[in-house]
PDB file of N, CA and C in Angstrom:
ATOM      1  N   MET A   1     -26.068  25.176 -51.982  1.00  0.00           N
ATOM      2  CA  MET A   1     -24.505  25.618 -52.280  1.00  0.00           C
ATOM      3  C   MET A   1     -23.898  24.744 -51.375  1.00  0.00           C
ATOM      4  N   LYS A   2     -22.221  24.648 -51.682  1.00  0.00           N
ATOM      5  CA  LYS A   2     -21.401  23.523 -51.055  1.00  0.00           C
ATOM      6  C   LYS A   2     -20.633  25.112 -51.144  1.00  0.00           C
ATOM      7  N   ILE A   3     -20.212  25.539 -49.676  1.00  0.00           N
ATOM      8  CA  ILE A   3     -19.214  26.098 -49.650  1.00  0.00           C
ATOM      9  C   ILE A   3     -17.576  26.142 -48.257  1.00  0.00           C
ATOM     10  N   GLY A   4     -16.897  25.971 -49.141  1.00  0.00           N
ATOM     11  CA  GLY A   4     -15.612  25.889 -48.429  1.00  0.00           C
ATOM     12  C   GLY A   4     -14.715  27.197 -47.296  1.00  0.00           C
ATOM     13  N   ILE A   5     -13.946  27.233 -46.811  1.00  0.00           N
ATOM     14  CA  ILE A   5     -13.570  28.696 -46.400  1.00  0.00           C
ATOM     15  C   ILE A   5     -12.647  27.864 -45.738  1.00  0.00           C
ATOM     16  N   LEU A   6     -11.413  28.991 -45.480  1.00  0.00           N
ATOM     17  CA  LEU A   6      -9.758  28.597 -45.835  1.00  0.00           C
ATOM     18  C   LEU A   6      -9.658  30.399 -44.856  1.00  0.00           C
ATOM     19  N   VAL A   7      -8.430  29.721 -43.175  1.00  0.00           N
ATOM     20  CA  VAL A   7      -8.617  30.554 -42.505  1.00  0.00           C
ATOM     21  C   VAL A   7      -7.483  30.146 -41.970  1.00  0.00           C
ATOM     22  N   THR A   8      -6.554  31.199 -42.365  1.00  0.00           N
ATOM     23  CA  THR A   8      -4.851  30.724 -41.941  1.00  0.00           C
ATOM     24  C   THR A   8      -4.301  31.782 -40.591  1.00  0.00           C
ATOM     25  N   THR A   9      -5.081  33.123 -40.694  1.00  0.00           N
ATOM     26  CA  THR A   9      -4.150  33.853 -39.954  1.00  0.00           C
ATOM     27  C   THR A   9      -5.216  33.780 -38.499  1.00  0.00           C
ATOM     28  N   GLY A  10      -4.187  34.125 -37.389  1.00  0.00           N
ATOM     29  CA  GLY A  10      -4.747  34.064 -36.195  1.00  0.00           C
ATOM     30  C   GLY A  10      -5.178  35.164 -35.026  1.00  0.00           C
ATOM     31  N   PRO A  11      -5.134  35.030 -34.042  1.00  0.00           N
ATOM     32  CA  PRO A  11      -6.412  36.209 -33.353  1.00  0.00           C
ATOM     33  C   PRO A  11      -5.995  37.166 -33.104  1.00  0.00           C
ATOM     34  N   GLU A  12      -4.543  37.537 -33.760  1.00  0.00           N
ATOM     35  CA  GLU A  12      -4.881  39.256 -33.688  1.00  0.00           C
ATOM     36  C   GLU A  12      -5.226  39.909 -35.011  1.00  0.00           C
ATOM     37  N   ARG A  13      -6.011  39.016 -35.633  1.00  0.00           N
ATOM     38  CA  ARG A  13      -6.911  39.511 -37.000  1.00  0.00           C
ATOM     39  C   ARG A  13      -7.874  38.949 -36.924  1.00  0.00           C
ATOM     40  N   GLN A  14      -9.508  39.243 -37.311  1.00  0.00           N
ATOM     41  CA  GLN A  14     -11.103  39.636 -37.547  1.00  0.00           C
ATOM     42  C   GLN A  14     -11.207  38.414 -38.387  1.00  0.00           C
ATOM     43  N   ASP A  15     -10.734  37.881 -38.432  1.00  0.00           N
ATOM     44  CA  ASP A  15     -10.656  37.182 -39.973  1.00  0.00           C
ATOM     45  C   ASP A  15     -11.632  36.127 -39.405  1.00  0.00           C
ATOM     46  N   LEU A  16     -11.816  35.440 -38.410  1.00  0.00           N
ATOM     47  CA  LEU A  16     -12.433  33.891 -37.831  1.00  0.00           C
ATOM     48  C   LEU A  16     -13.392  34.173 -37.338  1.00  0.00           C
ATOM     49  N   TYR A  17     -13.850  35.629 -37.537  1.00  0.00           N
ATOM     50  CA  TYR A  17     -14.549  36.284 -36.681  1.00  0.00           C
ATOM     51  C   TYR A  17     -16.549  36.707 -38.189  1.00  0.00           C
ATOM     52  N   THR A  18     -15.576  37.172 -39.081  1.00  0.00           N
ATOM     53  CA  THR A  18     -16.220  37.245 -40.253  1.00  0.00           C
ATOM     54  C   THR A  18     -16.561  35.450 -40.693  1.00  0.00           C
ATOM     55  N   ALA A  19     -15.319  34.889 -41.194  1.00  0.00           N
ATOM     56  CA  ALA A  19     -15.628  33.160 -41.658  1.00  0.00           C
ATOM     57  C   ALA A  19     -16.467  32.499 -40.767  1.00  0.00           C
ATOM     58  N   LEU A  20     -16.785  32.660 -39.738  1.00  0.00           N
ATOM     59  CA  LEU A  20     -18.268  31.917 -38.578  1.00  0.00           C
ATOM     60  C   LEU A  20     -19.201  32.942 -39.112  1.00  0.00           C
ATOM     61  N   ARG A  21     -18.942  34.035 -39.270  1.00  0.00           N
ATOM     62  CA  ARG A  21     -21.051  34.802 -40.049  1.00  0.00           C
ATOM     63  C   ARG A  21     -20.792  34.247 -41.040  1.00  0.00           C
ATOM     64  N   LEU A  22     -20.129  34.567 -41.907  1.00  0.00           N
ATOM     65  CA  LEU A  22     -20.118  33.870 -43.194  1.00  0.00           C
ATOM     66  C   LEU A  22     -21.367  32.138 -43.505  1.00  0.00           C
ATOM     67  N   ALA A  23     -20.279  31.066 -42.337  1.00  0.00           N
ATOM     68  CA  ALA A  23     -20.954  29.825 -42.100  1.00  0.00           C
ATOM     69  C   ALA A  23     -21.980  29.620 -41.740  1.00  0.00           C
ATOM     70  N   GLN A  24     -22.389  30.768 -40.341  1.00  0.00           N
ATOM     71  CA  GLN A  24     -23.208  30.375 -39.760  1.00  0.00           C
ATOM     72  C   GLN A  24     -24.259  30.858 -40.768  1.00  0.00           C
ATOM     73  N   ALA A  25     -24.271  31.525 -41.423  1.00  0.00           N
ATOM     74  CA  ALA A  25     -25.390  32.456 -41.658  1.00  0.00           C
ATOM     75  C   ALA A  25     -26.027  31.740 -42.904  1.00  0.00           C
ATOM     76  N   ALA A  26     -24.643  30.690 -43.814  1.00  0.00           N
ATOM     77  CA  ALA A  26     -24.470  29.654 -44.798  1.00  0.00           C
ATOM     78  C   ALA A  26     -25.772  28.598 -44.293  1.00  0.00           C
ATOM     79  N   ARG A  27     -25.133  28.469 -43.094  1.00  0.00           N
ATOM     80  CA  ARG A  27     -25.786  27.228 -42.834  1.00  0.00           C
ATOM     81  C   ARG A  27     -27.498  27.299 -42.290  1.00  0.00           C
ATOM     82  N   GLY A  28     -27.911  28.794 -41.710  1.00  0.00           N
ATOM     83  CA  GLY A  28     -29.174  28.753 -41.722  1.00  0.00           C
ATOM     84  C   GLY A  28     -30.109  28.803 -42.989  1.00  0.00           C
ATOM     85  N   GLN A  29     -29.374  29.071 -43.709  1.00  0.00           N
ATOM     86  CA  GLN A  29     -30.047  29.028 -45.169  1.00  0.00           C
ATOM     87  C   GLN A  29     -30.104  27.464 -45.753  1.00  0.00           C
ATOM     88  N   GLY A  30     -29.424  26.413 -45.511  1.00  0.00           N
ATOM     89  CA  GLY A  30     -29.731  25.271 -45.909  1.00  0.00           C
ATOM     90  C   GLY A  30     -28.219  24.721 -46.345  1.00  0.00           C
ATOM     91  N   HIS A  31     -27.093  25.996 -46.417  1.00  0.00           N
ATOM     92  CA  HIS A  31     -25.803  25.395 -47.849  1.00  0.00           C
ATOM     93  C   HIS A  31     -24.735  24.235 -46.376  1.00  0.00           C
ATOM     94  N   GLU A  32     -24.113  23.374 -47.306  1.00  0.00           N
ATOM     95  CA  GLU A  32     -23.351  22.652 -46.718  1.00  0.00           C
ATOM     96  C   GLU A  32     -21.849  23.464 -46.401  1.00  0.00           C
ATOM     97  N   VAL A  33     -21.582  23.506 -45.463  1.00  0.00           N
ATOM     98  CA  VAL A  33     -20.265  24.504 -45.491  1.00  0.00           C
ATOM     99  C   VAL A  33     -18.843  23.747 -43.939  1.00  0.00           C
ATOM    100  N   ARG A  34     -18.022  23.567 -45.333  1.00  0.00           N
ATOM    101  CA  ARG A  34     -16.369  22.564 -44.640  1.00  0.00           C
ATOM    102  C   ARG A  34     -15.465  23.626 -44.542  1.00  0.00           C
ATOM    103  N   LEU A  35     -14.707  24.004 -43.574  1.00  0.00           N
ATOM    104  CA  LEU A  35     -14.214  24.861 -42.949  1.00  0.00           C
ATOM    105  C   LEU A  35     -12.381  24.430 -42.866  1.00  0.00           C
ATOM    106  N   PHE A  36     -11.462  24.845 -43.438  1.00  0.00           N
ATOM    107  CA  PHE A  36     -10.564  24.242 -42.852  1.00  0.00           C
ATOM    108  C   PHE A  36      -9.560  25.165 -42.553  1.00  0.00           C
ATOM    109  N   VAL A  37      -8.505  25.330 -41.321  1.00  0.00           N
ATOM    110  CA  VAL A  37      -7.829  26.236 -40.257  1.00  0.00           C
ATOM    111  C   VAL A  37      -6.227  25.689 -40.530  1.00  0.00           C
ATOM    112  N   MET A  38      -5.477  26.592 -41.095  1.00  0.00           N
ATOM    113  CA  MET A  38      -3.845  26.369 -41.032  1.00  0.00           C
ATOM    114  C   MET A  38      -3.592  27.696 -41.001  1.00  0.00           C
ATOM    115  N   GLY A  39      -1.890  27.574 -40.407  1.00  0.00           N
ATOM    116  CA  GLY A  39      -0.752  28.448 -40.223  1.00  0.00           C
ATOM    117  C   GLY A  39      -1.644  28.598 -38.403  1.00  0.00           C
ATOM    118  N   ASP A  40      -1.029  30.200 -38.692  1.00  0.00           N
ATOM    119  CA  ASP A  40      -2.017  30.408 -36.983  1.00  0.00           C
ATOM    120  C   ASP A  40      -3.631  30.371 -36.385  1.00  0.00           C
ATOM    121  N   GLY A  41      -4.127  30.303 -38.041  1.00  0.00           N
ATOM    122  CA  GLY A  41      -5.704  30.219 -37.599  1.00  0.00           C
ATOM    123  C   GLY A  41      -5.974  28.863 -36.581  1.00  0.00           C
ATOM    124  N   VAL A  42      -5.071  28.165 -36.723  1.00  0.00           N
ATOM    125  CA  VAL A  42      -5.031  26.797 -36.017  1.00  0.00           C
ATOM    126  C   VAL A  42      -5.516  26.711 -33.777  1.00  0.00           C
ATOM    127  N   PHE A  43      -4.932  27.862 -33.705  1.00  0.00           N
ATOM    128  CA  PHE A  43      -4.832  28.198 -32.243  1.00  0.00           C
ATOM    129  C   PHE A  43      -6.750  28.418 -32.745  1.00  0.00           C
ATOM    130  N   HIS A  44      -7.579  28.811 -33.016  1.00  0.00           N
ATOM    131  CA  HIS A  44      -8.583  29.435 -32.937  1.00  0.00           C
ATOM    132  C   HIS A  44      -9.336  27.377 -32.382  1.00  0.00           C
ATOM    133  N   LEU A  45      -8.720  26.803 -32.900  1.00  0.00           N
ATOM    134  CA  LEU A  45      -8.975  25.635 -32.632  1.00  0.00           C
ATOM    135  C   LEU A  45      -9.203  24.459 -30.998  1.00  0.00           C
ATOM    136  N   ALA A  46      -8.368  25.274 -30.684  1.00  0.00           N
ATOM    137  CA  ALA A  46      -7.826  25.010 -29.383  1.00  0.00           C
ATOM    138  C   ALA A  46      -9.137  25.214 -28.469  1.00  0.00           C
ATOM    139  N   ASP A  47      -8.938  23.229 -27.256  1.00  0.00           N
ATOM    140  CA  ASP A  47     -10.137  23.334 -26.545  1.00  0.00           C
ATOM    141  C   ASP A  47      -9.841  23.813 -25.378  1.00  0.00           C
ATOM    142  N   HIS A  48      -9.795  25.105 -24.992  1.00  0.00           N
ATOM    143  CA  HIS A  48      -9.777  25.539 -24.027  1.00  0.00           C
ATOM    144  C   HIS A  48     -10.763  26.511 -22.972  1.00  0.00           C
ATOM    145  N   PRO A  49     -10.713  26.696 -22.151  1.00  0.00           N
ATOM    146  CA  PRO A  49     -11.631  27.623 -21.484  1.00  0.00           C
ATOM    147  C   PRO A  49     -11.772  29.016 -22.304  1.00  0.00           C
ATOM    148  N   LYS A  50     -10.521  29.638 -22.278  1.00  0.00           N
ATOM    149  CA  LYS A  50     -10.043  30.951 -22.545  1.00  0.00           C
ATOM    150  C   LYS A  50     -10.312  31.139 -24.005  1.00  0.00           C
ATOM    151  N   ASN A  51     -10.709  29.929 -24.745  1.00  0.00           N
ATOM    152  CA  ASN A  51     -10.876  30.002 -26.197  1.00  0.00           C
ATOM    153  C   ASN A  51     -12.113  31.128 -26.449  1.00  0.00           C
ATOM    154  N   PRO A  52     -12.028  32.163 -27.020  1.00  0.00           N
ATOM    155  CA  PRO A  52     -12.948  33.128 -27.502  1.00  0.00           C
ATOM    156  C   PRO A  52     -14.037  32.640 -28.152  1.00  0.00           C
ATOM    157  N   TRP A  53     -13.427  31.318 -29.242  1.00  0.00           N
ATOM    158  CA  TRP A  53     -14.703  31.308 -30.325  1.00  0.00           C
ATOM    159  C   TRP A  53     -14.825  29.894 -30.183  1.00  0.00           C
ATOM    160  N   GLY A  54     -14.612  28.673 -29.014  1.00  0.00           N
ATOM    161  CA  GLY A  54     -14.753  27.587 -28.596  1.00  0.00           C
ATOM    162  C   GLY A  54     -16.356  27.418 -28.329  1.00  0.00           C
ATOM    163  N   GLU A  55     -17.297  28.361 -28.511  1.00  0.00           N
ATOM    164  CA  GLU A  55     -18.899  27.776 -28.293  1.00  0.00           C
ATOM    165  C   GLU A  55     -19.070  28.147 -29.630  1.00  0.00           C
ATOM    166  N   GLU A  56     -18.923  29.105 -30.490  1.00  0.00           N
ATOM    167  CA  GLU A  56     -19.254  29.348 -31.792  1.00  0.00           C
ATOM    168  C   GLU A  56     -18.303  28.409 -32.227  1.00  0.00           C
ATOM    169  N   LEU A  57     -17.747  27.977 -32.377  1.00  0.00           N
ATOM    170  CA  LEU A  57     -16.927  26.549 -33.555  1.00  0.00           C
ATOM    171  C   LEU A  57     -18.275  25.459 -33.162  1.00  0.00           C
ATOM    172  N   ARG A  58     -18.409  25.377 -32.155  1.00  0.00           N
ATOM    173  CA  ARG A  58     -19.133  23.926 -31.287  1.00  0.00           C
ATOM    174  C   ARG A  58     -20.647  24.287 -31.501  1.00  0.00           C
ATOM    175  N   GLY A  59     -21.114  25.244 -32.024  1.00  0.00           N
ATOM    176  CA  GLY A  59     -22.514  25.595 -32.942  1.00  0.00           C
ATOM    177  C   GLY A  59     -22.000  25.140 -33.977  1.00  0.00           C
ATOM    178  N   LEU A  60     -21.097  25.860 -34.697  1.00  0.00           N
ATOM    179  CA  LEU A  60     -21.212  25.097 -36.062  1.00  0.00           C
ATOM    180  C   LEU A  60     -20.611  24.101 -36.535  1.00  0.00           C
ATOM    181  N   LEU A  61     -19.946  23.447 -35.615  1.00  0.00           N
ATOM    182  CA  LEU A  61     -19.838  21.775 -35.852  1.00  0.00           C
ATOM    183  C   LEU A  61     -21.266  20.659 -35.747  1.00  0.00           C
ATOM    184  N   THR A  62     -21.907  21.565 -34.805  1.00  0.00           N
ATOM    185  CA  THR A  62     -23.383  21.369 -33.843  1.00  0.00           C
ATOM    186  C   THR A  62     -24.157  20.926 -35.388  1.00  0.00           C
ATOM    187  N   SER A  63     -24.232  21.850 -35.903  1.00  0.00           N
ATOM    188  CA  SER A  63     -25.103  22.800 -36.384  1.00  0.00           C
ATOM    189  C   SER A  63     -24.885  21.654 -38.313  1.00  0.00           C
ATOM    190  N   GLY A  64     -23.935  21.121 -38.005  1.00  0.00           N
ATOM    191  CA  GLY A  64     -23.582  20.045 -39.270  1.00  0.00           C
ATOM    192  C   GLY A  64     -22.181  20.550 -40.312  1.00  0.00           C
ATOM    193  N   ALA A  65     -21.964  21.871 -39.883  1.00  0.00           N
ATOM    194  CA  ALA A  65     -20.882  22.130 -40.994  1.00  0.00           C
ATOM    195  C   ALA A  65     -19.611  20.992 -40.433  1.00  0.00           C
ATOM    196  N   GLU A  66     -18.849  20.924 -41.179  1.00  0.00           N
ATOM    197  CA  GLU A  66     -17.015  20.253 -41.094  1.00  0.00           C
ATOM    198  C   GLU A  66     -15.864  21.971 -40.764  1.00  0.00           C
ATOM    199  N   VAL A  67     -15.551  20.548 -39.626  1.00  0.00           N
ATOM    200  CA  VAL A  67     -14.045  21.890 -39.632  1.00  0.00           C
ATOM    201  C   VAL A  67     -12.972  21.126 -39.624  1.00  0.00           C
ATOM    202  N   ALA A  68     -12.044  21.157 -40.276  1.00  0.00           N
ATOM    203  CA  ALA A  68     -10.674  20.202 -40.465  1.00  0.00           C
ATOM    204  C   ALA A  68      -9.851  21.390 -40.193  1.00  0.00           C
ATOM    205  N   CYS A  69      -8.508  20.764 -39.933  1.00  0.00           N
ATOM    206  CA  CYS A  69      -7.424  21.513 -39.268  1.00  0.00           C
ATOM    207  C   CYS A  69      -6.117  20.777 -40.214  1.00  0.00           C
ATOM    208  N   CYS A  70      -4.855  21.608 -40.347  1.00  0.00           N
ATOM    209  CA  CYS A  70      -3.586  21.182 -40.890  1.00  0.00           C
ATOM    210  C   CYS A  70      -2.750  20.600 -39.518  1.00  0.00           C
ATOM    211  N   SER A  71      -2.637  19.026 -39.360  1.00  0.00           N
ATOM    212  CA  SER A  71      -1.762  18.837 -38.498  1.00  0.00           C
ATOM    213  C   SER A  71      -0.265  19.355 -38.496  1.00  0.00           C
ATOM    214  N   THR A  72      -0.013  19.236 -39.228  1.00  0.00           N
ATOM    215  CA  THR A  72       1.490  19.997 -39.848  1.00  0.00           C
ATOM    216  C   THR A  72       1.911  21.185 -39.095  1.00  0.00           C
ATOM    217  N   ASN A  73       0.503  21.675 -39.213  1.00  0.00           N
ATOM    218  CA  ASN A  73       0.528  23.644 -38.532  1.00  0.00           C
ATOM    219  C   ASN A  73       0.301  23.289 -37.199  1.00  0.00           C
ATOM    220  N   CYS A  74      -0.330  22.485 -37.400  1.00  0.00           N
ATOM    221  CA  CYS A  74      -0.758  22.274 -35.557  1.00  0.00           C
ATOM    222  C   CYS A  74       0.228  21.936 -34.754  1.00  0.00           C
ATOM    223  N   GLU A  75       1.354  21.445 -35.049  1.00  0.00           N
ATOM    224  CA  GLU A  75       2.429  20.330 -34.110  1.00  0.00           C
ATOM    225  C   GLU A  75       3.349  21.508 -34.102  1.00  0.00           C
ATOM    226  N   PRO A  76       4.138  21.869 -34.527  1.00  0.00           N
ATOM    227  CA  PRO A  76       4.957  23.175 -34.015  1.00  0.00           C
ATOM    228  C   PRO A  76       4.603  24.003 -33.087  1.00  0.00           C
ATOM    229  N   ARG A  77       3.149  24.577 -33.811  1.00  0.00           N
ATOM    230  CA  ARG A  77       2.158  25.511 -32.484  1.00  0.00           C
ATOM    231  C   ARG A  77       2.089  24.585 -31.166  1.00  0.00           C
ATOM    232  N   GLY A  78       2.464  24.293 -31.036  1.00  0.00           N
ATOM    233  CA  GLY A  78       2.125  22.642 -29.437  1.00  0.00           C
ATOM    234  C   GLY A  78       0.737  23.004 -29.505  1.00  0.00           C
ATOM    235  N   LEU A  79       0.266  22.722 -30.608  1.00  0.00           N
ATOM    236  CA  LEU A  79      -1.207  21.770 -30.382  1.00  0.00           C
ATOM    237  C   LEU A  79      -1.610  20.492 -30.660  1.00  0.00           C
ATOM    238  N   GLY A  80      -1.885  20.154 -30.154  1.00  0.00           N
ATOM    239  CA  GLY A  80      -1.641  18.221 -30.559  1.00  0.00           C
ATOM    240  C   GLY A  80      -3.245  17.482 -30.851  1.00  0.00           C
ATOM    241  N   GLN A  81      -3.739  16.577 -31.104  1.00  0.00           N
ATOM    242  CA  GLN A  81      -4.954  16.251 -31.967  1.00  0.00           C
ATOM    243  C   GLN A  81      -5.949  16.030 -30.516  1.00  0.00           C
ATOM    244  N   ALA A  82      -5.122  15.630 -29.130  1.00  0.00           N
ATOM    245  CA  ALA A  82      -6.164  15.922 -28.575  1.00  0.00           C
ATOM    246  C   ALA A  82      -6.587  17.406 -27.681  1.00  0.00           C
ATOM    247  N   GLY A  83      -5.511  18.287 -28.541  1.00  0.00           N
ATOM    248  CA  GLY A  83      -6.019  19.295 -27.470  1.00  0.00           C
ATOM    249  C   GLY A  83      -6.805  20.621 -28.140  1.00  0.00           C
ATOM    250  N   LEU A  84      -7.650  19.488 -29.591  1.00  0.00           N
ATOM    251  CA  LEU A  84      -8.873  20.497 -30.364  1.00  0.00           C
ATOM    252  C   LEU A  84     -10.044  20.367 -29.681  1.00  0.00           C
ATOM    253  N   LEU A  85     -10.569  21.210 -30.166  1.00  0.00           N
ATOM    254  CA  LEU A  85     -12.058  21.092 -30.110  1.00  0.00           C
ATOM    255  C   LEU A  85     -13.319  19.832 -30.551  1.00  0.00           C
ATOM    256  N   PRO A  86     -13.644  18.581 -30.083  1.00  0.00           N
ATOM    257  CA  PRO A  86     -14.068  17.937 -29.940  1.00  0.00           C
ATOM    258  C   PRO A  86     -14.890  17.923 -31.689  1.00  0.00           C
ATOM    259  N   GLY A  87     -14.276  16.866 -32.594  1.00  0.00           N
ATOM    260  CA  GLY A  87     -15.363  17.061 -34.245  1.00  0.00           C
ATOM    261  C   GLY A  87     -14.276  17.211 -34.894  1.00  0.00           C
ATOM    262  N   VAL A  88     -13.643  18.447 -34.205  1.00  0.00           N
ATOM    263  CA  VAL A  88     -12.312  19.467 -35.573  1.00  0.00           C
ATOM    264  C   VAL A  88     -11.210  17.646 -36.238  1.00  0.00           C
ATOM    265  N   LEU A  89     -11.345  17.804 -37.499  1.00  0.00           N
ATOM    266  CA  LEU A  89     -10.689  16.680 -38.082  1.00  0.00           C
ATOM    267  C   LEU A  89      -9.058  16.544 -38.390  1.00  0.00           C
ATOM    268  N   TRP A  90      -8.153  15.802 -37.740  1.00  0.00           N
ATOM    269  CA  TRP A  90      -6.915  16.247 -37.960  1.00  0.00           C
ATOM    270  C   TRP A  90      -6.503  16.083 -39.041  1.00  0.00           C
ATOM    271  N   GLY A  91      -6.165  16.516 -40.036  1.00  0.00           N
ATOM    272  CA  GLY A  91      -6.228  16.563 -41.307  1.00  0.00           C
ATOM    273  C   GLY A  91      -4.917  16.738 -41.534  1.00  0.00           C
ATOM    274  N   SER A  92      -5.008  17.377 -43.279  1.00  0.00           N
ATOM    275  CA  SER A  92      -3.340  17.648 -44.172  1.00  0.00           C
ATOM    276  C   SER A  92      -3.961  18.319 -44.967  1.00  0.00           C
ATOM    277  N   GLN A  93      -3.147  18.574 -45.559  1.00  0.00           N
ATOM    278  CA  GLN A  93      -3.204  19.616 -46.887  1.00  0.00           C
ATOM    279  C   GLN A  93      -3.841  18.741 -47.854  1.00  0.00           C
ATOM    280  N   TYR A  94      -4.100  17.078 -48.410  1.00  0.00           N
ATOM    281  CA  TYR A  94      -4.762  16.726 -48.741  1.00  0.00           C
ATOM    282  C   TYR A  94      -6.258  16.561 -48.601  1.00  0.00           C
ATOM    283  N   ASP A  95      -7.076  16.740 -47.246  1.00  0.00           N
ATOM    284  CA  ASP A  95      -8.264  17.334 -47.006  1.00  0.00           C
ATOM    285  C   ASP A  95      -8.574  18.588 -47.142  1.00  0.00           C
ATOM    286  N   HIS A  96      -7.512  19.527 -47.245  1.00  0.00           N
ATOM    287  CA  HIS A  96      -7.897  21.149 -47.950  1.00  0.00           C
ATOM    288  C   HIS A  96      -8.222  20.802 -49.205  1.00  0.00           C
ATOM    289  N   ALA A  97      -7.242  20.088 -49.687  1.00  0.00           N
ATOM    290  CA  ALA A  97      -7.525  19.821 -51.968  1.00  0.00           C
ATOM    291  C   ALA A  97      -8.934  18.782 -51.854  1.00  0.00           C
ATOM    292  N   ALA A  98      -9.740  18.362 -50.621  1.00  0.00           N
ATOM    293  CA  ALA A  98     -10.804  17.863 -50.710  1.00  0.00           C
ATOM    294  C   ALA A  98     -11.591  18.971 -51.192  1.00  0.00           C
ATOM    295  N   ILE A  99     -11.617  19.673 -50.122  1.00  0.00           N
ATOM    296  CA  ILE A  99     -12.651  20.619 -49.745  1.00  0.00           C
ATOM    297  C   ILE A  99     -12.290  22.213 -50.961  1.00  0.00           C
ATOM    298  N   VAL A 100     -11.335  22.064 -51.203  1.00  0.00           N
ATOM    299  CA  VAL A 100     -11.429  23.369 -52.763  1.00  0.00           C
ATOM    300  C   VAL A 100     -12.058  22.574 -53.802  1.00  0.00           C
ATOM    301  N   HIS A 101     -11.841  21.277 -54.171  1.00  0.00           N
ATOM    302  CA  HIS A 101     -12.190  20.256 -55.395  1.00  0.00           C
ATOM    303  C   HIS A 101     -14.319  19.969 -54.646  1.00  0.00           C
ATOM    304  N   TRP A 102     -14.888  19.966 -53.228  1.00  0.00           N
ATOM    305  CA  TRP A 102     -15.610  19.708 -53.453  1.00  0.00           C
ATOM    306  C   TRP A 102     -16.612  20.919 -53.191  1.00  0.00           C
ATOM    307  N   SER A 103     -15.981  22.247 -53.087  1.00  0.00           N
ATOM    308  CA  SER A 103     -16.477  23.438 -52.897  1.00  0.00           C
ATOM    309  C   SER A 103     -16.961  23.879 -54.294  1.00  0.00           C
ATOM    310  N   ASP A 104     -18.759  24.516 -54.537  1.00  0.00           N
ATOM    311  CA  ASP A 104     -19.160  25.274 -55.301  1.00  0.00           C
ATOM    312  C   ASP A 104     -18.356  26.481 -55.082  1.00  0.00           C
ATOM    313  N   ARG A 105     -18.243  27.143 -53.942  1.00  0.00           N
ATOM    314  CA  ARG A 105     -17.769  28.575 -53.921  1.00  0.00           C
ATOM    315  C   ARG A 105     -16.747  28.296 -52.494  1.00  0.00           C
ATOM    316  N   TYR A 106     -15.368  29.104 -52.782  1.00  0.00           N
ATOM    317  CA  TYR A 106     -14.217  28.820 -52.023  1.00  0.00           C
ATOM    318  C   TYR A 106     -13.586  30.152 -51.550  1.00  0.00           C
ATOM    319  N   LEU A 107     -13.711  30.370 -50.008  1.00  0.00           N
ATOM    320  CA  LEU A 107     -13.781  31.719 -49.717  1.00  0.00           C
ATOM    321  C   LEU A 107     -11.912  31.617 -48.562  1.00  0.00           C
ATOM    322  N   VAL A 108     -11.493  32.164 -49.168  1.00  0.00           N
ATOM    323  CA  VAL A 108      -9.903  32.578 -48.166  1.00  0.00           C
ATOM    324  C   VAL A 108      -9.832  33.626 -47.438  1.00  0.00           C
ATOM    325  N   PHE A 109      -9.578  33.446 -46.146  1.00  0.00           N
ATOM    326  CA  PHE A 109      -9.460  34.495 -45.078  1.00  0.00           C
ATOM    327  C   PHE A 109      -7.630  34.307 -44.264  1.00  0.00           C
ATOM    328  N   SER A 110      -6.779  35.097 -45.783  1.00  0.00           N
ATOM    329  CA  SER A 110      -5.412  35.011 -45.399  1.00  0.00           C
ATOM    330  C   SER A 110      -4.838  35.626 -44.997  1.00  0.00           C
TER     331      SER A 110
END
């Protein structure tokens, strides 16, 4: 199964926690996963030692999942392409639409 996940909420919510648990469980069962992050959710993708989700996101990427973000949402929040975790696609709403089209199931955390 192909599972797409959208996360738009920032660190003040637990949505990324839930999305990561679902993504890890899906990967563990052999499903394909693509995660798209936009809005304040892009703060989760910062390659910074104080990012509490950095290691889990790296693990998700290593497992074969794809992670992309909306560059239009990153720039006004002071996050440039060089500041993202390695392996995260510097994307656009076109990439988001492609994930929606690709997915058998699509989950939104907003």
